[in-house]
Protein backbone atom coordinates (compact mmCIF):
# COMPACT_ATOMS: atom_id res chain seq x y z
CA UNK A 1 112.19 108.32 75.58
CA UNK A 2 113.08 104.71 74.84
CA UNK A 3 113.23 104.78 71.02
CA UNK A 4 113.69 108.03 69.10
CA UNK A 5 112.60 108.00 65.44
CA UNK A 6 111.91 111.71 64.92
CA UNK A 7 115.28 112.73 63.51
CA UNK A 8 113.74 114.66 60.62
CA UNK A 9 112.47 117.14 63.23
CA UNK A 10 115.72 117.29 65.19
CA UNK A 11 118.43 114.68 65.66
CA UNK A 12 118.90 112.81 68.90
CA UNK A 13 121.21 111.91 70.50
CA UNK A 14 124.12 114.20 69.66
CA UNK A 15 127.71 112.95 69.64
CA UNK A 16 129.43 113.57 72.95
CA UNK A 17 131.85 115.99 71.28
CA UNK A 18 128.93 118.25 70.37
CA UNK A 19 127.67 118.70 73.92
CA UNK A 20 131.23 119.06 75.20
CA UNK A 21 131.92 121.82 72.66
CA UNK A 22 128.83 123.74 73.79
CA UNK A 23 129.99 123.52 77.40
CA UNK A 24 133.53 124.62 76.54
CA UNK A 25 132.25 127.64 74.61
CA UNK A 26 130.24 128.77 77.60
CA UNK A 27 132.96 128.17 80.18
CA UNK A 28 136.35 128.60 78.50
CA UNK A 29 135.97 131.34 75.85
CA UNK A 30 132.54 132.82 76.53
CA UNK A 31 133.13 136.09 74.68
CA UNK A 32 131.74 137.97 71.70
CA UNK A 33 133.54 136.91 68.50
CA UNK A 34 134.76 139.74 66.30
CA UNK A 35 134.05 142.44 68.88
CA UNK A 36 137.25 142.53 70.96
CA UNK A 37 140.92 141.69 70.75
CA UNK A 38 141.36 139.83 74.02
CA UNK A 39 142.16 136.14 74.15
CA UNK A 40 138.64 134.84 74.79
CA UNK A 41 137.13 136.89 71.95
CA UNK A 42 139.85 135.75 69.57
CA UNK A 43 139.28 132.11 70.56
CA UNK A 44 135.55 132.57 69.94
CA UNK A 45 136.21 134.11 66.53
CA UNK A 46 138.51 131.23 65.59
CA UNK A 47 135.80 128.72 66.50
CA UNK A 48 133.23 130.51 64.35
CA UNK A 49 135.67 130.59 61.43
CA UNK A 50 136.54 126.92 61.91
CA UNK A 51 132.86 126.06 61.63
CA UNK A 52 132.58 127.99 58.36
CA UNK A 53 135.58 126.13 57.01
CA UNK A 54 134.17 122.73 57.96
CA UNK A 55 130.78 123.55 56.47
CA UNK A 56 132.38 124.81 53.27
CA UNK A 57 134.44 121.62 52.96
CA UNK A 58 131.37 119.44 53.54
CA UNK A 59 129.33 121.27 50.87
CA UNK A 60 132.30 121.84 48.52
CA UNK A 61 131.73 125.58 48.68
CA UNK A 62 134.46 127.65 47.03
CA UNK A 63 134.88 130.15 49.89
CA UNK A 64 134.24 129.63 53.63
CA UNK A 65 133.13 133.26 53.85
CA UNK A 66 130.16 132.35 51.66
CA UNK A 67 128.80 130.19 54.52
CA UNK A 68 126.49 132.44 56.52
CA UNK A 69 125.56 131.48 60.07
CA UNK A 70 121.79 131.66 60.58
CA UNK A 71 119.42 130.92 63.44
CA UNK A 72 118.03 127.85 61.65
CA UNK A 73 117.07 126.74 58.15
CA UNK A 74 113.88 128.85 58.22
CA UNK A 75 115.97 131.94 58.89
CA UNK A 76 118.28 131.03 56.01
CA UNK A 77 115.37 130.47 53.61
CA UNK A 78 113.79 133.79 54.54
CA UNK A 79 117.08 135.57 53.85
CA UNK A 80 117.48 133.79 50.52
CA UNK A 81 113.90 134.45 49.38
CA UNK A 82 113.27 137.96 50.65
CA UNK A 83 116.79 139.06 49.90
CA UNK A 84 116.45 137.93 46.26
CA UNK A 85 113.05 139.16 45.15
CA UNK A 86 111.83 142.50 43.85
CA UNK A 87 108.35 143.73 43.02
CA UNK A 88 107.06 142.09 39.85
CA UNK A 89 109.30 139.04 39.97
CA UNK A 90 108.01 135.59 39.02
CA UNK A 91 108.99 132.61 41.20
CA UNK A 92 108.81 128.88 40.53
CA UNK A 93 108.55 126.53 43.50
CA UNK A 94 107.01 123.11 44.10
CA UNK A 95 104.08 121.71 46.02
CA UNK A 96 106.54 119.62 48.04
CA UNK A 97 107.99 122.65 49.84
CA UNK A 98 107.98 123.19 53.59
CA UNK A 99 106.10 126.18 54.99
CA UNK A 100 109.47 127.85 55.49
CA UNK A 101 109.39 128.32 51.72
CA UNK A 102 105.65 128.41 51.06
CA UNK A 103 104.68 131.01 53.64
CA UNK A 104 107.20 133.70 52.61
CA UNK A 105 106.39 133.15 48.93
CA UNK A 106 102.61 132.98 49.36
CA UNK A 107 102.62 136.08 51.54
CA UNK A 108 104.59 138.02 48.93
CA UNK A 109 102.21 136.76 46.23
CA UNK A 110 99.11 137.65 48.27
CA UNK A 111 100.45 141.18 48.68
CA UNK A 112 100.86 141.47 44.93
CA UNK A 113 104.63 141.80 45.11
CA UNK A 114 105.45 138.63 43.14
CA UNK A 115 103.75 136.03 40.96
CA UNK A 116 104.12 132.43 42.09
CA UNK A 117 103.92 129.13 40.21
CA UNK A 118 103.74 125.98 42.37
CA UNK A 119 104.58 122.86 40.39
CA UNK A 120 102.98 119.54 41.36
CA UNK A 121 105.11 116.40 41.46
CA UNK A 122 104.46 113.51 39.14
CA UNK A 123 102.40 110.60 40.55
CA UNK A 124 105.63 108.98 41.78
CA UNK A 125 106.28 111.95 44.08
CA UNK A 126 109.14 113.54 42.13
CA UNK A 127 109.32 116.87 40.32
CA UNK A 128 109.95 116.63 36.58
CA UNK A 129 112.73 119.07 35.64
CA UNK A 130 111.04 119.63 32.28
CA UNK A 131 108.01 121.00 34.14
CA UNK A 132 110.36 123.57 35.66
CA UNK A 133 111.65 124.47 32.21
CA UNK A 134 108.11 124.84 30.87
CA UNK A 135 107.13 127.15 33.75
CA UNK A 136 109.91 129.67 33.12
CA UNK A 137 108.70 133.12 32.07
CA UNK A 138 110.64 136.20 30.95
CA UNK A 139 110.49 137.68 34.46
CA UNK A 140 111.26 134.48 36.40
CA UNK A 141 113.78 135.55 39.02
CA UNK A 142 113.98 132.58 41.37
CA UNK A 143 113.52 128.80 41.32
CA UNK A 144 113.13 127.03 44.67
CA UNK A 145 113.18 123.28 45.27
CA UNK A 146 113.55 121.04 48.29
CA UNK A 147 116.45 118.60 48.10
CA UNK A 148 114.43 115.88 49.83
CA UNK A 149 110.78 116.01 50.86
CA UNK A 150 110.38 116.37 54.61
CA UNK A 151 107.15 114.34 54.35
CA UNK A 152 108.10 111.37 52.18
CA UNK A 153 111.89 111.65 52.00
CA UNK A 154 111.76 111.60 48.19
CA UNK A 155 115.07 112.96 46.86
CA UNK A 156 114.34 115.46 44.11
CA UNK A 157 116.33 115.93 40.86
CA UNK A 158 117.97 119.09 42.16
CA UNK A 159 121.04 118.83 39.91
CA UNK A 160 118.93 118.61 36.75
CA UNK A 161 116.87 121.60 37.89
CA UNK A 162 120.09 123.46 38.62
CA UNK A 163 121.28 122.90 35.07
CA UNK A 164 118.04 124.38 33.73
CA UNK A 165 118.28 127.39 36.06
CA UNK A 166 121.90 128.01 35.01
CA UNK A 167 120.98 127.68 31.33
CA UNK A 168 118.41 130.46 31.74
CA UNK A 169 120.42 132.60 34.14
CA UNK A 170 117.83 132.27 36.93
CA UNK A 171 118.77 132.33 40.59
CA UNK A 172 118.34 128.88 42.17
CA UNK A 173 117.67 128.10 45.85
CA UNK A 174 117.69 124.61 47.37
CA UNK A 175 116.16 123.78 50.75
CA UNK A 176 118.58 121.23 52.17
CA UNK A 177 116.83 120.66 55.50
CA UNK A 178 116.62 116.87 55.03
CA UNK A 179 119.79 116.46 52.98
CA UNK A 180 122.89 118.03 54.52
CA UNK A 181 124.57 115.47 56.74
CA UNK A 182 122.43 112.65 55.37
CA UNK A 183 123.36 112.84 51.68
CA UNK A 184 126.40 114.05 49.74
CA UNK A 185 125.93 117.73 48.91
CA UNK A 186 128.13 119.52 46.39
CA UNK A 187 126.85 123.05 45.80
CA UNK A 188 129.06 123.50 42.75
CA UNK A 189 127.86 120.29 41.10
CA UNK A 190 124.26 121.22 41.91
CA UNK A 191 124.84 124.62 40.24
CA UNK A 192 122.82 126.36 42.92
CA UNK A 193 123.17 129.99 43.91
CA UNK A 194 121.78 129.51 47.40
CA UNK A 195 121.63 126.44 49.64
CA UNK A 196 119.89 126.61 53.03
CA UNK A 197 120.37 124.05 55.77
CA UNK A 198 119.75 123.49 59.51
CA UNK A 199 122.46 122.63 62.00
CA UNK A 200 120.29 120.61 64.37
CA UNK A 201 119.14 117.80 62.08
CA UNK A 202 121.55 115.51 60.22
CA UNK A 203 124.52 117.77 60.98
CA UNK A 204 123.98 116.70 64.62
CA UNK A 205 124.47 120.20 66.01
CA UNK A 206 122.41 122.09 68.61
CA UNK A 207 119.06 123.71 67.92
CA UNK A 208 119.21 127.37 66.99
CA UNK A 209 121.89 126.81 64.34
CA UNK A 210 121.86 126.66 60.57
CA UNK A 211 123.32 128.32 57.54
CA UNK A 212 123.02 129.65 54.04
CA UNK A 213 125.54 129.09 51.27
CA UNK A 214 125.65 132.11 48.96
CA UNK A 215 127.47 131.59 45.69
CA UNK A 216 130.25 134.18 45.24
CA UNK A 217 128.92 137.05 43.16
CA UNK A 218 125.31 136.67 44.37
CA UNK A 219 124.05 139.67 46.36
CA UNK A 220 121.08 139.55 48.72
CA UNK A 221 119.42 142.39 50.57
CA UNK A 222 120.07 141.77 54.29
CA UNK A 223 117.07 140.92 56.47
CA UNK A 224 118.73 142.47 59.53
CA UNK A 225 121.06 145.42 59.88
CA UNK A 226 123.08 146.41 62.91
CA UNK A 227 126.35 145.80 64.68
CA UNK A 228 128.83 143.54 62.95
CA UNK A 229 132.08 144.37 64.72
CA UNK A 230 133.41 145.73 61.43
CA UNK A 231 133.13 149.05 59.57
CA UNK A 232 131.72 150.55 62.75
CA UNK A 233 132.36 154.08 61.45
CA UNK A 234 129.72 153.56 58.74
CA UNK A 235 126.01 154.09 59.27
CA UNK A 236 125.27 151.44 56.67
CA UNK A 237 125.58 147.69 56.54
CA UNK A 238 128.98 146.47 55.27
CA UNK A 239 129.15 144.86 51.84
CA UNK A 240 131.66 142.18 52.83
CA UNK A 241 130.66 138.62 53.64
CA UNK A 242 129.88 137.22 56.10
CA UNK A 243 129.32 140.41 58.11
CA UNK A 244 126.72 141.68 55.61
CA UNK A 245 124.26 139.02 56.79
CA UNK A 246 125.30 138.41 60.40
CA UNK A 247 124.25 141.46 62.39
CA UNK A 248 124.28 141.06 66.14
CA UNK A 249 125.92 138.45 68.31
CA UNK A 250 126.00 134.98 66.79
CA UNK A 251 125.04 131.84 68.73
CA UNK A 252 128.59 130.98 69.79
CA UNK A 253 127.76 127.90 71.93
CA UNK A 254 125.49 126.55 69.20
CA UNK A 255 128.07 127.18 66.49
CA UNK A 256 130.76 125.49 68.57
CA UNK A 257 128.53 122.43 68.87
CA UNK A 258 127.74 122.56 65.17
CA UNK A 259 131.45 122.61 64.41
CA UNK A 260 131.89 119.25 66.14
CA UNK A 261 128.71 117.83 64.61
CA UNK A 262 129.99 118.79 61.18
CA UNK A 263 133.34 117.19 61.95
CA UNK A 264 131.66 113.95 63.02
CA UNK A 265 129.46 113.84 59.93
CA UNK A 266 132.35 114.66 57.61
CA UNK A 267 134.38 111.76 59.01
CA UNK A 268 131.54 109.23 58.99
CA UNK A 269 129.22 110.38 56.16
CA UNK A 270 129.52 107.22 54.06
CA UNK A 271 128.89 104.96 57.04
CA UNK A 272 125.99 107.12 58.23
CA UNK A 273 124.40 107.05 54.78
CA UNK A 274 124.69 103.27 54.47
CA UNK A 275 123.41 102.66 57.99
CA UNK A 276 120.41 104.98 57.61
CA UNK A 277 119.57 103.57 54.20
CA UNK A 278 119.57 100.02 55.59
CA UNK A 279 117.43 101.05 58.55
CA UNK A 280 114.95 102.85 56.32
CA UNK A 281 114.71 99.87 53.98
CA UNK A 282 114.07 97.54 56.92
CA UNK A 283 111.35 99.88 58.16
CA UNK A 284 109.74 100.22 54.75
CA UNK A 285 109.69 96.47 54.19
CA UNK A 286 108.47 95.73 57.69
CA UNK A 287 105.57 98.17 57.46
CA UNK A 288 104.68 97.16 53.90
CA UNK A 289 104.12 93.58 55.13
CA UNK A 290 101.39 94.74 57.51
CA UNK A 291 97.83 94.66 56.12
CA UNK A 292 96.18 98.04 56.63
CA UNK A 293 99.36 100.13 56.36
CA UNK A 294 99.58 102.72 53.57
CA UNK A 295 103.09 103.89 52.66
CA UNK A 296 103.84 107.23 51.00
CA UNK A 297 107.63 107.16 50.69
CA UNK A 298 109.42 105.89 47.56
CA UNK A 299 110.03 102.14 47.48
CA UNK A 300 113.53 102.45 45.96
CA UNK A 301 115.96 103.00 48.82
CA UNK A 302 118.32 105.21 46.81
CA UNK A 303 115.42 107.56 46.02
CA UNK A 304 114.61 108.53 49.60
CA UNK A 305 116.28 110.11 52.59
CA UNK A 306 115.94 108.47 56.01
CA UNK A 307 112.17 108.97 56.19
CA UNK A 308 109.23 106.57 55.95
CA UNK A 309 105.76 108.14 55.93
CA UNK A 310 102.71 105.96 56.50
CA UNK A 311 99.22 105.62 57.90
CA UNK A 312 97.73 102.67 59.75
CA UNK A 313 94.22 101.33 59.40
CA UNK A 314 91.46 103.88 59.89
CA UNK A 315 93.37 105.82 62.54
CA UNK A 316 94.49 109.40 62.12
CA UNK A 317 98.21 110.01 62.03
CA UNK A 318 98.12 111.78 65.38
CA UNK A 319 96.28 108.85 66.98
CA UNK A 320 99.01 106.51 65.77
CA UNK A 321 101.81 108.85 66.88
CA UNK A 322 100.22 109.28 70.32
CA UNK A 323 99.80 105.52 70.71
CA UNK A 324 103.41 104.92 69.74
CA UNK A 325 104.54 107.62 72.17
CA UNK A 326 102.68 105.73 74.88
CA UNK A 327 104.72 102.68 73.93
CA UNK A 328 107.96 104.65 74.27
CA UNK A 329 108.52 105.26 70.53
CA UNK A 330 108.90 108.85 69.32
CA UNK A 331 107.61 109.58 65.80
CA UNK A 332 105.66 112.52 64.38
CA UNK A 333 102.08 112.67 63.15
CA UNK A 334 100.23 115.49 61.41
CA UNK A 335 100.97 117.64 58.38
CA UNK A 336 104.71 118.29 58.97
CA UNK A 337 104.40 121.96 57.94
CA UNK A 338 104.00 120.93 54.28
CA UNK A 339 100.28 121.27 53.44
CA UNK A 340 100.61 121.12 49.65
CA UNK A 341 102.58 117.88 49.88
CA UNK A 342 99.73 116.39 51.88
CA UNK A 343 97.21 117.74 49.41
CA UNK A 344 99.12 115.86 46.70
CA UNK A 345 99.19 112.67 48.81
CA UNK A 346 95.50 112.95 49.70
CA UNK A 347 96.31 113.19 53.40
CA UNK A 348 95.46 116.83 54.09
CA UNK A 349 92.81 115.89 56.70
CA UNK A 350 94.46 112.79 58.11
CA UNK A 351 98.12 113.72 57.98
CA UNK A 352 100.78 111.04 57.95
CA UNK A 353 102.97 109.31 60.49
CA UNK A 354 106.62 110.10 59.85
CA UNK A 355 109.32 107.83 61.20
CA UNK A 356 112.81 109.20 60.55
CA UNK A 357 116.02 107.38 61.38
CA UNK A 358 119.32 108.73 62.60
CA UNK A 359 122.93 107.71 63.05
CA UNK A 360 122.32 106.16 66.48
CA UNK A 361 119.25 104.07 65.66
CA UNK A 362 119.42 100.27 65.54
CA UNK A 363 117.57 97.49 63.77
CA UNK A 364 116.04 96.64 67.14
CA UNK A 365 114.43 100.10 67.08
CA UNK A 366 112.94 99.33 63.69
CA UNK A 367 111.63 95.95 64.81
CA UNK A 368 110.03 97.57 67.86
CA UNK A 369 108.22 100.17 65.73
CA UNK A 370 106.91 97.57 63.28
CA UNK A 371 105.72 95.37 66.15
CA UNK A 372 104.01 98.31 67.83
CA UNK A 373 102.18 99.28 64.62
CA UNK A 374 101.14 95.65 64.12
CA UNK A 375 99.77 95.52 67.67
CA UNK A 376 97.94 98.80 67.11
CA UNK A 377 96.29 97.47 63.98
């Protein structure tokens, strides 16, 4: 591919240190962490712990052991949701959520196990925290909100919602798929109980990685039970973190790569944020100058992550994405696994083209995309 603008799906390219770390894990200490006492296994265990420590520092988590390694953000969200809820619980979520949130919740609701309230955003694309407050019922057990919309990039008022959840003693889960590594994230300031994130997007790690922050004192029912390398004499899952939620062999090569991606982001976060914000603003302004282009992302640059969603002329979003792919520009068309967000935008049939910037993109990439859309129109 010549120009890659699909970083909201997975980031590309990765820093060289990430790919090197994956290779080293598979060639120099390719052992099962926490299962043996030989040198390779101990080196693997140290790498896994180092990654927890770096993630905890990046998110300002109070305890590295509260950072649970997951297969991806979807896996983390399923653990947070299904591990939290009991029969009869009421849940508040938003229409902006990804299917990784909507499908588990809607399935539980369809089976009669929970009651679900989906809050619409205001016309500007943002959730009003007071709507969350008004939706609270005596049996509300969980509030779920995306940090930034994966369709429009609109950054939601997650801190204000967290204050309301804490005031009412309700467990609060944030989907950080489009935030961690692209925005400052402080789980203590956000007052969240659970924060799910992928490793392969703005954290610049390999696919098949992700995590869940669990606030100390919060207990979830495990989704998986099995070998943990600890308490092997017991027939039941250990209570201690992180083993309680990490049955089976972890993705050591992926975690090693994530460790270096996290290190790179931690060192360069301010520069990455500024660069991506400038790129996104240039893209927004360039597309907004084209007659026939409809934009769905917020105009204010501080109110959006590195995403610009749009449609062009009378073409479907997939037609535009396919045409751009033919011109060597990678973007994504369609519904982006967020059907209720598209219902709100009025694009449920047409979808939207999503261009998402990353740390390695240039202003020349942006100019090329704008020129290609102009030519298409």
